[in-house]
N, C-alpha and C. Protein backbone atom coordinates (compact mmCIF):
# COMPACT_ATOMS: atom_id res chain seq x y z
N MET A 1 19.02 -38.83 4.74
CA MET A 1 17.88 -38.62 4.09
C MET A 1 18.10 -37.29 3.59
N THR A 2 17.79 -36.76 2.42
CA THR A 2 17.71 -35.78 1.97
C THR A 2 16.30 -34.90 2.17
N ASP A 3 16.59 -33.56 2.34
CA ASP A 3 14.98 -32.82 2.28
C ASP A 3 15.37 -32.27 0.42
N GLU A 4 14.11 -32.27 0.17
CA GLU A 4 13.80 -31.89 -1.52
C GLU A 4 13.22 -30.45 -1.24
N LYS A 5 13.35 -29.26 -0.46
CA LYS A 5 12.75 -28.10 -0.59
C LYS A 5 13.61 -27.53 -1.69
N VAL A 6 12.31 -26.79 -2.23
CA VAL A 6 12.72 -26.02 -3.48
C VAL A 6 13.26 -24.45 -3.04
N PHE A 7 13.01 -24.04 -1.82
CA PHE A 7 13.44 -23.03 -1.66
C PHE A 7 13.62 -23.14 0.14
N ASP A 8 14.12 -21.65 0.42
CA ASP A 8 14.54 -21.52 1.84
C ASP A 8 13.35 -21.30 2.44
N PRO A 9 13.14 -22.24 3.73
CA PRO A 9 11.71 -22.00 4.79
C PRO A 9 12.25 -20.79 5.28
N GLY A 10 12.80 -20.59 5.57
CA GLY A 10 12.59 -18.85 6.29
C GLY A 10 11.54 -17.72 6.19
N LEU A 11 10.79 -18.13 5.65
CA LEU A 11 9.48 -17.73 5.41
C LEU A 11 9.58 -16.10 5.20
N GLN A 12 10.33 -15.93 4.38
CA GLN A 12 11.08 -14.17 3.79
C GLN A 12 9.58 -13.52 2.98
N PRO A 13 8.76 -14.76 2.01
CA PRO A 13 7.92 -14.12 1.16
C PRO A 13 6.82 -13.64 2.24
N GLU A 14 6.73 -14.17 3.18
CA GLU A 14 5.58 -14.01 4.43
C GLU A 14 5.98 -12.67 5.13
N ARG A 15 7.25 -12.70 5.41
CA ARG A 15 7.87 -11.30 6.10
C ARG A 15 7.50 -10.15 5.32
N THR A 16 7.59 -10.12 4.11
CA THR A 16 7.62 -9.29 3.03
C THR A 16 5.99 -8.89 2.79
N LEU A 17 5.34 -10.02 2.77
CA LEU A 17 3.92 -9.63 2.49
C LEU A 17 3.28 -8.85 4.00
N LEU A 18 3.54 -9.59 5.05
CA LEU A 18 3.08 -8.93 5.98
C LEU A 18 3.86 -7.37 6.60
N ALA A 19 5.04 -7.06 6.16
CA ALA A 19 5.20 -5.67 5.54
C ALA A 19 4.66 -4.84 4.60
N TRP A 20 4.39 -5.20 3.56
CA TRP A 20 3.47 -4.53 2.77
C TRP A 20 2.29 -4.50 3.60
N GLN A 21 1.46 -5.50 3.83
CA GLN A 21 0.34 -5.28 4.58
C GLN A 21 0.10 -4.27 5.51
N ARG A 22 0.93 -3.73 6.58
CA ARG A 22 0.82 -3.07 7.40
C ARG A 22 1.26 -1.59 6.79
N THR A 23 1.96 -1.30 6.11
CA THR A 23 1.96 -0.19 5.26
C THR A 23 1.04 0.08 4.41
N VAL A 24 0.28 -0.48 3.89
CA VAL A 24 -0.88 -0.16 2.67
C VAL A 24 -1.87 0.09 3.73
N LEU A 25 -1.92 -1.14 4.86
CA LEU A 25 -3.48 -0.38 5.77
C LEU A 25 -2.90 0.64 6.47
N SER A 26 -1.85 0.99 7.12
CA SER A 26 -1.82 2.18 7.56
C SER A 26 -1.84 3.63 7.15
N LEU A 27 -1.43 3.56 5.36
CA LEU A 27 -1.69 4.73 4.56
C LEU A 27 -2.91 4.91 4.47
N ALA A 28 -3.78 3.74 4.31
CA ALA A 28 -5.40 3.59 4.01
C ALA A 28 -5.77 4.32 5.40
N VAL A 29 -5.39 3.77 6.53
CA VAL A 29 -5.99 4.97 7.58
C VAL A 29 -5.85 6.13 7.63
N ALA A 30 -4.56 6.57 7.41
CA ALA A 30 -4.07 7.97 7.51
C ALA A 30 -4.83 8.49 6.23
N GLY A 31 -5.07 8.10 4.85
CA GLY A 31 -5.84 8.79 4.10
C GLY A 31 -7.45 8.94 4.58
N VAL A 32 -8.24 8.31 5.16
CA VAL A 32 -9.56 8.27 5.86
C VAL A 32 -9.09 9.30 7.10
N LEU A 33 -8.28 9.09 7.73
CA LEU A 33 -8.28 10.34 8.91
C LEU A 33 -8.05 11.67 8.25
N ALA A 34 -7.28 11.72 7.26
CA ALA A 34 -7.17 13.11 6.29
C ALA A 34 -8.23 13.28 5.78
N ALA A 35 -8.95 12.83 5.17
CA ALA A 35 -10.21 13.01 5.27
C ALA A 35 -11.32 13.74 5.88
N ARG A 36 -11.24 13.07 7.12
CA ARG A 36 -12.02 13.21 8.05
C ARG A 36 -11.94 14.25 8.99
N PHE A 37 -10.42 14.51 8.93
CA PHE A 37 -9.79 16.32 9.56
C PHE A 37 -9.69 17.34 8.66
N ALA A 38 -9.39 16.85 7.59
CA ALA A 38 -9.05 18.29 6.41
C ALA A 38 -10.64 18.45 5.95
N ALA A 39 -11.39 18.09 5.79
CA ALA A 39 -12.55 18.10 5.34
C ALA A 39 -13.41 19.88 5.71
N PRO A 40 -13.27 19.53 7.28
CA PRO A 40 -13.94 21.00 7.49
C PRO A 40 -13.33 22.33 7.29
N GLN A 41 -12.29 22.04 7.13
CA GLN A 41 -11.20 22.97 6.76
C GLN A 41 -11.18 23.49 5.26
N ILE A 42 -11.25 22.40 4.67
CA ILE A 42 -10.93 22.46 3.20
C ILE A 42 -12.13 22.45 2.47
N GLY A 43 -12.73 21.35 2.80
CA GLY A 43 -14.37 20.90 2.36
C GLY A 43 -14.09 19.99 1.48
N LEU A 44 -15.01 19.64 0.32
CA LEU A 44 -15.21 18.30 -0.55
C LEU A 44 -13.71 18.10 -1.16
N PRO A 45 -13.08 18.96 -1.85
CA PRO A 45 -11.25 18.42 -2.26
C PRO A 45 -10.85 17.39 -1.35
N ALA A 46 -10.70 17.96 -0.30
CA ALA A 46 -10.18 17.41 0.82
C ALA A 46 -10.55 15.67 1.11
N ALA A 47 -11.84 15.77 1.37
CA ALA A 47 -12.66 14.51 1.29
C ALA A 47 -12.53 13.62 0.30
N VAL A 48 -12.69 14.28 -0.91
CA VAL A 48 -11.98 13.55 -2.21
C VAL A 48 -11.02 12.99 -2.03
N LEU A 49 -9.69 13.44 -1.98
CA LEU A 49 -8.37 13.39 -2.33
C LEU A 49 -8.02 12.50 -1.11
N GLY A 50 -8.80 12.46 0.18
CA GLY A 50 -8.20 11.48 1.25
C GLY A 50 -8.85 10.06 0.64
N LEU A 51 -10.05 9.89 0.52
CA LEU A 51 -10.73 9.00 -0.05
C LEU A 51 -10.08 8.48 -1.23
N ILE A 52 -9.24 8.87 -2.33
CA ILE A 52 -8.78 8.47 -3.60
C ILE A 52 -7.59 7.92 -2.88
N SER A 53 -6.78 8.42 -1.51
CA SER A 53 -5.26 7.75 -1.20
C SER A 53 -5.95 6.44 -0.22
N ALA A 54 -7.07 6.71 0.26
CA ALA A 54 -7.44 5.20 1.05
C ALA A 54 -7.87 4.32 0.03
N ALA A 55 -8.61 4.54 -1.27
CA ALA A 55 -8.62 3.58 -2.48
C ALA A 55 -7.45 3.23 -3.03
N LEU A 56 -6.35 3.86 -3.34
CA LEU A 56 -5.40 3.38 -3.44
C LEU A 56 -4.40 2.60 -2.99
N SER A 57 -4.50 3.09 -1.84
CA SER A 57 -3.96 1.98 -0.32
C SER A 57 -4.58 0.70 -0.53
N ILE A 58 -6.05 0.83 -0.86
CA ILE A 58 -6.78 -0.67 -0.94
C ILE A 58 -6.35 -1.47 -1.90
N ALA A 59 -6.35 -1.04 -3.04
CA ALA A 59 -5.64 -1.43 -4.34
C ALA A 59 -4.30 -2.01 -4.40
N ALA A 60 -3.08 -1.25 -3.56
CA ALA A 60 -1.99 -1.73 -3.48
C ALA A 60 -2.12 -3.19 -2.18
N TYR A 61 -3.14 -2.81 -1.58
CA TYR A 61 -3.04 -4.29 -0.41
C TYR A 61 -3.42 -5.36 -1.46
N VAL A 62 -4.43 -5.17 -2.57
CA VAL A 62 -4.95 -6.40 -3.35
C VAL A 62 -3.39 -7.06 -4.23
N GLY A 63 -2.80 -5.78 -4.76
CA GLY A 63 -1.87 -6.17 -5.34
C GLY A 63 -0.64 -6.95 -4.88
N VAL A 64 -0.64 -6.57 -3.54
CA VAL A 64 0.70 -7.42 -3.06
C VAL A 64 0.13 -8.75 -2.46
N ARG A 65 -1.43 -9.05 -2.25
CA ARG A 65 -1.69 -9.98 -1.62
C ARG A 65 -1.36 -10.97 -3.30
N TYR A 66 -1.78 -10.62 -4.21
CA TYR A 66 -1.21 -11.32 -5.59
C TYR A 66 0.08 -11.48 -6.09
N ARG A 67 0.60 -10.83 -5.59
CA ARG A 67 2.22 -10.96 -6.01
C ARG A 67 2.47 -11.73 -4.74
N TYR A 68 2.55 -11.95 -3.70
CA TYR A 68 2.58 -13.27 -2.43
C TYR A 68 2.04 -14.71 -2.99
N ARG A 69 1.30 -14.53 -3.82
CA ARG A 69 0.27 -15.58 -4.22
C ARG A 69 1.21 -16.33 -5.29
N ARG A 70 1.59 -15.42 -6.47
CA ARG A 70 2.33 -15.64 -7.52
C ARG A 70 3.58 -16.15 -7.13
N ALA A 71 4.43 -15.29 -6.27
CA ALA A 71 5.73 -16.02 -6.18
C ALA A 71 5.71 -16.75 -5.23
N HIS A 72 4.84 -17.16 -4.20
CA HIS A 72 4.83 -18.31 -3.61
C HIS A 72 4.62 -19.57 -4.19
N THR A 73 3.73 -19.52 -5.13
CA THR A 73 3.58 -20.45 -6.35
C THR A 73 5.04 -20.66 -7.12
N GLY A 74 5.54 -19.89 -7.83
CA GLY A 74 6.60 -19.82 -8.47
C GLY A 74 7.65 -20.65 -7.67
N LEU A 75 8.00 -20.18 -6.21
CA LEU A 75 9.11 -20.60 -5.33
C LEU A 75 8.55 -22.51 -5.07
N ARG A 76 7.44 -22.30 -5.01
CA ARG A 76 7.47 -23.74 -4.52
C ARG A 76 7.27 -24.94 -6.07
N ALA A 77 6.80 -24.24 -7.18
CA ALA A 77 7.10 -25.00 -8.33
C ALA A 77 8.23 -25.53 -8.79
N ALA A 78 9.28 -24.22 -9.22
CA ALA A 78 10.36 -24.19 -9.53
C ALA A 78 11.60 -23.29 -9.18
N ALA A 79 11.37 -23.34 -7.95
CA ALA A 79 12.27 -22.70 -7.36
C ALA A 79 13.09 -21.21 -7.76
N THR A 80 12.08 -20.64 -8.57
CA THR A 80 12.51 -19.35 -9.42
C THR A 80 10.96 -18.13 -9.39
N LEU A 81 11.50 -16.83 -9.14
CA LEU A 81 10.41 -16.16 -9.35
C LEU A 81 9.94 -15.71 -10.61
N HIS A 82 8.86 -15.23 -10.98
CA HIS A 82 8.30 -15.05 -11.98
C HIS A 82 8.57 -13.63 -12.04
N SER A 83 8.43 -12.60 -13.48
CA SER A 83 8.62 -11.31 -13.30
C SER A 83 7.25 -10.77 -12.85
N LEU A 84 7.42 -9.86 -11.83
CA LEU A 84 6.18 -9.22 -11.08
C LEU A 84 6.22 -7.83 -11.30
N SER A 85 4.99 -7.30 -11.24
CA SER A 85 4.67 -5.50 -11.93
C SER A 85 5.05 -5.10 -10.67
N ALA A 86 5.32 -4.15 -10.97
CA ALA A 86 5.73 -2.99 -10.08
C ALA A 86 4.25 -2.27 -9.48
N TRP A 87 2.97 -2.51 -10.13
CA TRP A 87 2.13 -1.61 -9.83
C TRP A 87 1.22 -1.34 -8.42
N PRO A 88 1.41 -2.17 -7.28
CA PRO A 88 1.22 -2.17 -6.38
C PRO A 88 1.87 -1.32 -5.62
N LEU A 89 3.01 -0.78 -6.47
CA LEU A 89 4.20 0.32 -5.60
C LEU A 89 4.14 1.53 -6.12
N ALA A 90 3.31 1.64 -7.43
CA ALA A 90 3.25 2.57 -8.05
C ALA A 90 1.96 3.00 -7.63
N ALA A 91 0.69 2.62 -7.13
CA ALA A 91 -0.40 2.74 -6.15
C ALA A 91 0.00 3.13 -5.05
N LEU A 92 0.82 2.77 -3.83
CA LEU A 92 1.34 3.35 -3.12
C LEU A 92 2.12 4.45 -3.21
N ALA A 93 2.59 4.62 -4.25
CA ALA A 93 3.12 5.95 -4.12
C ALA A 93 1.86 7.20 -4.46
N GLY A 94 1.30 6.66 -5.67
CA GLY A 94 0.19 7.56 -5.76
C GLY A 94 -0.62 7.86 -4.28
N SER A 95 -0.81 7.04 -3.60
CA SER A 95 -1.76 7.00 -2.13
C SER A 95 -1.12 8.15 -1.86
N THR A 96 0.18 8.14 -1.29
CA THR A 96 1.08 8.67 -0.40
C THR A 96 1.22 10.26 -1.35
N PHE A 97 1.06 10.19 -2.43
CA PHE A 97 1.01 11.84 -3.15
C PHE A 97 -0.22 12.37 -3.02
N THR A 98 -1.23 11.73 -2.77
CA THR A 98 -2.61 12.41 -2.38
C THR A 98 -2.37 12.86 -0.96
N LEU A 99 -2.07 11.79 -0.27
CA LEU A 99 -2.32 12.19 1.11
C LEU A 99 -1.18 13.27 1.41
N GLY A 100 -0.17 13.50 0.75
CA GLY A 100 0.66 14.56 0.86
C GLY A 100 0.17 15.86 0.21
N ILE A 101 -0.72 15.96 -0.55
CA ILE A 101 -1.45 17.06 -1.34
C ILE A 101 -2.32 17.83 -0.08
N VAL A 102 -3.26 16.58 0.18
CA VAL A 102 -3.89 16.99 1.40
C VAL A 102 -3.45 17.39 2.84
N ALA A 103 -2.42 16.95 2.87
CA ALA A 103 -1.44 17.50 4.34
C ALA A 103 -1.23 19.16 3.85
N ALA A 104 -0.48 19.36 2.55
CA ALA A 104 -0.38 20.43 2.62
C ALA A 104 -1.26 21.57 2.20
N VAL A 105 -1.94 21.15 1.50
CA VAL A 105 -3.27 22.47 1.67
C VAL A 105 -3.98 22.29 2.89
N TYR A 106 -4.14 21.71 3.69
CA TYR A 106 -4.64 21.74 5.07
C TYR A 106 -3.64 22.22 6.18
N ALA A 107 -2.43 22.47 5.63
CA ALA A 107 -1.52 23.18 6.38
C ALA A 107 -1.55 24.70 5.90
N LEU A 108 -1.60 24.75 4.84
CA LEU A 108 -1.62 26.00 4.61
C LEU A 108 -3.13 26.76 4.66
N GLY A 109 -4.43 25.87 4.77
CA GLY A 109 -5.37 26.62 5.24
C GLY A 109 -5.10 27.11 6.38
N VAL A 110 -4.60 26.39 7.30
CA VAL A 110 -4.45 26.43 8.98
C VAL A 110 -3.59 27.76 9.11
N ALA A 111 -2.67 27.84 7.94
CA ALA A 111 -1.85 28.91 8.30
C ALA A 111 -2.46 30.15 7.86
N GLY A 112 -3.12 30.02 7.22
CA GLY A 112 -3.64 31.11 6.23
C GLY A 112 -4.69 31.92 7.24
N GLU A 113 -5.24 30.97 8.46
CA GLU A 113 -6.13 31.94 9.53
C GLU A 113 -6.02 32.47 10.40
């Protein structure tokens, strides 16, 4: 009896999806916490940047879910991956960048006191 599976059943796409989900959700929480803790020191810009960071993280989450569905469908149908966009990675990088700006401004504000 031969098994006609078109890709390895090792669940690599699922593990990759879970890793991405943990990363983007952690970064979204970090953005919200940065907005919460830096807003009293810095004011409205910290809150805006923290929320932008969280929003970019959520956008990356949606993009990662879409990428997983597309990869899973491609592997099931033809055992090949379709070309996938890197915009979730760009959203994650933007989220990290804005979170870094909030942290740097907060650190400079606390050091200046």
